[in-house]
């Protein structure tokens, strides 16, 4: 009986960690372009090369 309890302990820990990951919050979808631009700024400004370095 003790061996069974010791074998079940790692399984219980893995299952508990897996279930803890299910409670993570946040959007489960990609925002549309307008909403993303409002939140993160325009993409062109972030990816455009800086002309002052040339």
PDB file of N, CA and C in Angstrom:
ATOM      1  N   UNK A   1       0.824  -1.193   0.000  1.00  0.00           N
ATOM      2  CA  UNK A   1       0.000   0.000   0.000  1.00  0.00           C
ATOM      3  C   UNK A   1       0.866   1.254   0.000  1.00  0.00           C
ATOM      4  N   UNK A   2       1.974   1.202   0.736  1.00  0.00           N
ATOM      5  CA  UNK A   2       2.855   2.366   0.807  1.00  0.00           C
ATOM      6  C   UNK A   2       3.508   2.633  -0.548  1.00  0.00           C
ATOM      7  N   UNK A   3       3.834   1.563  -1.276  1.00  0.00           N
ATOM      8  CA  UNK A   3       4.454   1.706  -2.592  1.00  0.00           C
ATOM      9  C   UNK A   3       3.480   2.389  -3.566  1.00  0.00           C
ATOM     10  N   UNK A   4       2.210   2.047  -3.482  1.00  0.00           N
ATOM     11  CA  UNK A   4       1.195   2.645  -4.343  1.00  0.00           C
ATOM     12  C   UNK A   4       1.058   4.141  -4.060  1.00  0.00           C
ATOM     13  N   UNK A   5       1.102   4.503  -2.786  1.00  0.00           N
ATOM     14  CA  UNK A   5       0.997   5.913  -2.417  1.00  0.00           C
ATOM     15  C   UNK A   5       2.203   6.697  -2.931  1.00  0.00           C
ATOM     16  N   UNK A   6       3.387   6.110  -2.857  1.00  0.00           N
ATOM     17  CA  UNK A   6       4.582   6.791  -3.355  1.00  0.00           C
ATOM     18  C   UNK A   6       4.566   6.916  -4.873  1.00  0.00           C
ATOM     19  N   UNK A   7       3.997   5.942  -5.549  1.00  0.00           N
ATOM     20  CA  UNK A   7       3.910   6.001  -7.006  1.00  0.00           C
ATOM     21  C   UNK A   7       2.874   7.028  -7.455  1.00  0.00           C
ATOM     22  N   UNK A   8       1.841   7.229  -6.673  1.00  0.00           N
ATOM     23  CA  UNK A   8       0.781   8.164  -7.038  1.00  0.00           C
ATOM     24  C   UNK A   8       1.174   9.615  -6.768  1.00  0.00           C
ATOM     25  N   UNK A   9       2.141   9.846  -5.911  1.00  0.00           N
ATOM     26  CA  UNK A   9       2.532  11.211  -5.559  1.00  0.00           C
ATOM     27  C   UNK A   9       3.042  12.005  -6.765  1.00  0.00           C
ATOM     28  N   UNK A  10       3.981  11.503  -7.566  1.00  0.00           N
ATOM     29  CA  UNK A  10       4.419  12.284  -8.735  1.00  0.00           C
ATOM     30  C   UNK A  10       3.284  12.537  -9.731  1.00  0.00           C
ATOM     31  N   UNK A  11       2.415  11.562  -9.907  1.00  0.00           N
ATOM     32  CA  UNK A  11       1.280  11.737 -10.804  1.00  0.00           C
ATOM     33  C   UNK A  11       0.361  12.844 -10.297  1.00  0.00           C
ATOM     34  N   UNK A  12       0.111  12.866  -9.012  1.00  0.00           N
ATOM     35  CA  UNK A  12      -0.737  13.903  -8.426  1.00  0.00           C
ATOM     36  C   UNK A  12      -0.100  15.281  -8.586  1.00  0.00           C
ATOM     37  N   UNK A  13       1.210  15.371  -8.423  1.00  0.00           N
ATOM     38  CA  UNK A  13       1.894  16.654  -8.590  1.00  0.00           C
ATOM     39  C   UNK A  13       1.815  17.151 -10.032  1.00  0.00           C
ATOM     40  N   UNK A  14       2.019  16.263 -10.988  1.00  0.00           N
ATOM     41  CA  UNK A  14       1.935  16.649 -12.400  1.00  0.00           C
ATOM     42  C   UNK A  14       0.527  17.107 -12.744  1.00  0.00           C
ATOM     43  N   UNK A  15      -0.463  16.399 -12.255  1.00  0.00           N
ATOM     44  CA  UNK A  15      -1.849  16.786 -12.526  1.00  0.00           C
ATOM     45  C   UNK A  15      -2.182  18.128 -11.882  1.00  0.00           C
ATOM     46  N   UNK A  16      -1.693  18.378 -10.679  1.00  0.00           N
ATOM     47  CA  UNK A  16      -1.950  19.650 -10.005  1.00  0.00           C
ATOM     48  C   UNK A  16      -1.309  20.802 -10.768  1.00  0.00           C
ATOM     49  N   UNK A  17      -0.092  20.601 -11.254  1.00  0.00           N
ATOM     50  CA  UNK A  17       0.560  21.653 -12.035  1.00  0.00           C
ATOM     51  C   UNK A  17      -0.175  21.897 -13.349  1.00  0.00           C
ATOM     52  N   UNK A  18      -0.646  20.842 -13.965  1.00  0.00           N
ATOM     53  CA  UNK A  18      -1.402  20.994 -15.210  1.00  0.00           C
ATOM     54  C   UNK A  18      -2.695  21.755 -15.002  1.00  0.00           C
ATOM     55  N   UNK A  19      -3.386  21.456 -13.925  1.00  0.00           N
ATOM     56  CA  UNK A  19      -4.627  22.169 -13.632  1.00  0.00           C
ATOM     57  C   UNK A  19      -4.363  23.617 -13.245  1.00  0.00           C
ATOM     58  N   UNK A  20      -3.249  23.896 -12.616  1.00  0.00           N
ATOM     59  CA  UNK A  20      -2.920  25.274 -12.254  1.00  0.00           C
ATOM     60  C   UNK A  20      -2.719  26.117 -13.502  1.00  0.00           C
ATOM     61  N   UNK A  21      -2.206  25.527 -14.567  1.00  0.00           N
ATOM     62  CA  UNK A  21      -2.023  26.250 -15.819  1.00  0.00           C
ATOM     63  C   UNK A  21      -3.329  26.595 -16.494  1.00  0.00           C
ATOM     64  N   UNK A  22      -4.389  25.883 -16.177  1.00  0.00           N
ATOM     65  CA  UNK A  22      -5.694  26.151 -16.793  1.00  0.00           C
ATOM     66  C   UNK A  22      -6.296  27.455 -16.293  1.00  0.00           C
ATOM     67  N   UNK A  23      -5.838  27.962 -15.182  1.00  0.00           N
ATOM     68  CA  UNK A  23      -6.408  29.177 -14.623  1.00  0.00           C
ATOM     69  C   UNK A  23      -5.742  30.447 -15.108  1.00  0.00           C
ATOM     70  N   UNK A  24      -4.822  30.344 -16.048  1.00  0.00           N
ATOM     71  CA  UNK A  24      -4.143  31.535 -16.538  1.00  0.00           C
ATOM     72  C   UNK A  24      -5.131  32.424 -17.274  1.00  0.00           C
ATOM     73  N   UNK A  25      -5.049  33.717 -17.024  1.00  0.00           N
ATOM     74  CA  UNK A  25      -5.983  34.654 -17.643  1.00  0.00           C
ATOM     75  C   UNK A  25      -5.311  35.347 -18.815  1.00  0.00           C
ATOM     76  N   UNK A  26      -6.117  35.907 -19.653  1.00  0.00           N
ATOM     77  CA  UNK A  26      -5.622  36.656 -20.797  1.00  0.00           C
ATOM     78  C   UNK A  26      -6.453  36.348 -22.017  1.00  0.00           C
ATOM     79  N   UNK A  27      -6.298  37.160 -23.034  1.00  0.00           N
ATOM     80  CA  UNK A  27      -7.096  36.938 -24.237  1.00  0.00           C
ATOM     81  C   UNK A  27      -6.684  35.650 -24.937  1.00  0.00           C
ATOM     82  N   UNK A  28      -7.663  34.922 -25.404  1.00  0.00           N
ATOM     83  CA  UNK A  28      -7.418  33.684 -26.114  1.00  0.00           C
ATOM     84  C   UNK A  28      -7.584  33.885 -27.613  1.00  0.00           C
ATOM     85  N   UNK A  29      -7.499  35.133 -28.061  1.00  0.00           N
ATOM     86  CA  UNK A  29      -7.648  35.465 -29.469  1.00  0.00           C
ATOM     87  C   UNK A  29      -6.677  36.580 -29.801  1.00  0.00           C
ATOM     88  N   UNK A  30      -6.387  36.741 -31.062  1.00  0.00           N
ATOM     89  CA  UNK A  30      -5.545  37.849 -31.499  1.00  0.00           C
ATOM     90  C   UNK A  30      -6.425  39.072 -31.713  1.00  0.00           C
ATOM     91  N   UNK A  31      -6.051  40.228 -31.187  1.00  0.00           N
ATOM     92  CA  UNK A  31      -6.855  41.429 -31.409  1.00  0.00           C
ATOM     93  C   UNK A  31      -6.771  41.852 -32.868  1.00  0.00           C
ATOM     94  N   UNK A  32      -7.813  42.546 -33.340  1.00  0.00           N
ATOM     95  CA  UNK A  32      -7.761  43.038 -34.711  1.00  0.00           C
ATOM     96  C   UNK A  32      -6.708  44.136 -34.822  1.00  0.00           C
ATOM     97  N   UNK A  33      -6.402  44.550 -36.023  1.00  0.00           N
ATOM     98  CA  UNK A  33      -5.304  45.487 -36.252  1.00  0.00           C
ATOM     99  C   UNK A  33      -5.521  46.825 -35.558  1.00  0.00           C
ATOM    100  N   UNK A  34      -6.742  47.345 -35.576  1.00  0.00           N
ATOM    101  CA  UNK A  34      -7.001  48.645 -34.951  1.00  0.00           C
ATOM    102  C   UNK A  34      -6.826  48.569 -33.436  1.00  0.00           C
ATOM    103  N   UNK A  35      -7.349  47.520 -32.846  1.00  0.00           N
ATOM    104  CA  UNK A  35      -7.232  47.362 -31.396  1.00  0.00           C
ATOM    105  C   UNK A  35      -5.771  47.168 -30.990  1.00  0.00           C
ATOM    106  N   UNK A  36      -5.018  46.412 -31.766  1.00  0.00           N
ATOM    107  CA  UNK A  36      -3.604  46.201 -31.458  1.00  0.00           C
ATOM    108  C   UNK A  36      -2.819  47.497 -31.619  1.00  0.00           C
ATOM    109  N   UNK A  37      -3.152  48.297 -32.634  1.00  0.00           N
ATOM    110  CA  UNK A  37      -2.453  49.565 -32.845  1.00  0.00           C
ATOM    111  C   UNK A  37      -2.705  50.519 -31.687  1.00  0.00           C
ATOM    112  N   UNK A  38      -3.929  50.513 -31.156  1.00  0.00           N
ATOM    113  CA  UNK A  38      -4.223  51.371 -30.003  1.00  0.00           C
ATOM    114  C   UNK A  38      -3.406  50.948 -28.787  1.00  0.00           C
ATOM    115  N   UNK A  39      -3.306  49.661 -28.576  1.00  0.00           N
ATOM    116  CA  UNK A  39      -2.649  49.166 -27.366  1.00  0.00           C
ATOM    117  C   UNK A  39      -1.131  49.186 -27.486  1.00  0.00           C
ATOM    118  N   UNK A  40      -0.595  48.829 -28.638  1.00  0.00           N
ATOM    119  CA  UNK A  40       0.849  48.650 -28.768  1.00  0.00           C
ATOM    120  C   UNK A  40       1.521  49.686 -29.647  1.00  0.00           C
ATOM    121  N   UNK A  41       0.767  50.563 -30.275  1.00  0.00           N
ATOM    122  CA  UNK A  41       1.349  51.551 -31.167  1.00  0.00           C
ATOM    123  C   UNK A  41       1.466  50.997 -32.569  1.00  0.00           C
ATOM    124  N   UNK A  42       1.734  51.868 -33.525  1.00  0.00           N
ATOM    125  CA  UNK A  42       1.835  51.408 -34.918  1.00  0.00           C
ATOM    126  C   UNK A  42       3.035  50.495 -35.123  1.00  0.00           C
ATOM    127  N   UNK A  43       2.870  49.509 -35.953  1.00  0.00           N
ATOM    128  CA  UNK A  43       3.937  48.540 -36.195  1.00  0.00           C
ATOM    129  C   UNK A  43       5.090  49.167 -36.969  1.00  0.00           C
ATOM    130  N   UNK A  44       4.787  50.076 -37.884  1.00  0.00           N
ATOM    131  CA  UNK A  44       5.832  50.679 -38.707  1.00  0.00           C
ATOM    132  C   UNK A  44       6.868  51.416 -37.859  1.00  0.00           C
ATOM    133  N   UNK A  45       6.439  52.072 -36.813  1.00  0.00           N
ATOM    134  CA  UNK A  45       7.375  52.815 -35.970  1.00  0.00           C
ATOM    135  C   UNK A  45       8.315  51.873 -35.222  1.00  0.00           C
ATOM    136  N   UNK A  46       7.842  50.705 -34.897  1.00  0.00           N
ATOM    137  CA  UNK A  46       8.660  49.764 -34.133  1.00  0.00           C
ATOM    138  C   UNK A  46       9.635  48.999 -35.018  1.00  0.00           C
ATOM    139  N   UNK A  47       9.283  48.783 -36.280  1.00  0.00           N
ATOM    140  CA  UNK A  47      10.126  47.959 -37.141  1.00  0.00           C
ATOM    141  C   UNK A  47      10.916  48.760 -38.159  1.00  0.00           C
ATOM    142  N   UNK A  48      10.621  50.033 -38.306  1.00  0.00           N
ATOM    143  CA  UNK A  48      11.326  50.845 -39.298  1.00  0.00           C
ATOM    144  C   UNK A  48      12.757  51.106 -38.826  1.00  0.00           C
ATOM    145  N   UNK A  49      13.717  51.080 -39.744  1.00  0.00           N
ATOM    146  CA  UNK A  49      15.102  51.377 -39.353  1.00  0.00           C
ATOM    147  C   UNK A  49      15.254  52.850 -38.993  1.00  0.00           C
ATOM    148  N   UNK A  50      16.137  53.112 -38.093  1.00  0.00           N
ATOM    149  CA  UNK A  50      16.385  54.476 -37.649  1.00  0.00           C
ATOM    150  C   UNK A  50      17.347  55.146 -38.624  1.00  0.00           C
ATOM    151  N   UNK A  51      16.904  56.234 -39.265  1.00  0.00           N
ATOM    152  CA  UNK A  51      17.726  56.912 -40.267  1.00  0.00           C
ATOM    153  C   UNK A  51      18.878  57.701 -39.649  1.00  0.00           C
ATOM    154  N   UNK A  52      18.817  57.996 -38.369  1.00  0.00           N
ATOM    155  CA  UNK A  52      19.858  58.806 -37.751  1.00  0.00           C
ATOM    156  C   UNK A  52      21.167  58.041 -37.575  1.00  0.00           C
ATOM    157  N   UNK A  53      21.151  56.727 -37.726  1.00  0.00           N
ATOM    158  CA  UNK A  53      22.367  55.935 -37.534  1.00  0.00           C
ATOM    159  C   UNK A  53      23.202  55.818 -38.801  1.00  0.00           C
ATOM    160  N   UNK A  54      22.692  56.274 -39.941  1.00  0.00           N
ATOM    161  CA  UNK A  54      23.448  56.109 -41.192  1.00  0.00           C
ATOM    162  C   UNK A  54      24.380  57.246 -41.456  1.00  0.00           C
TER     163      UNK A  54
END
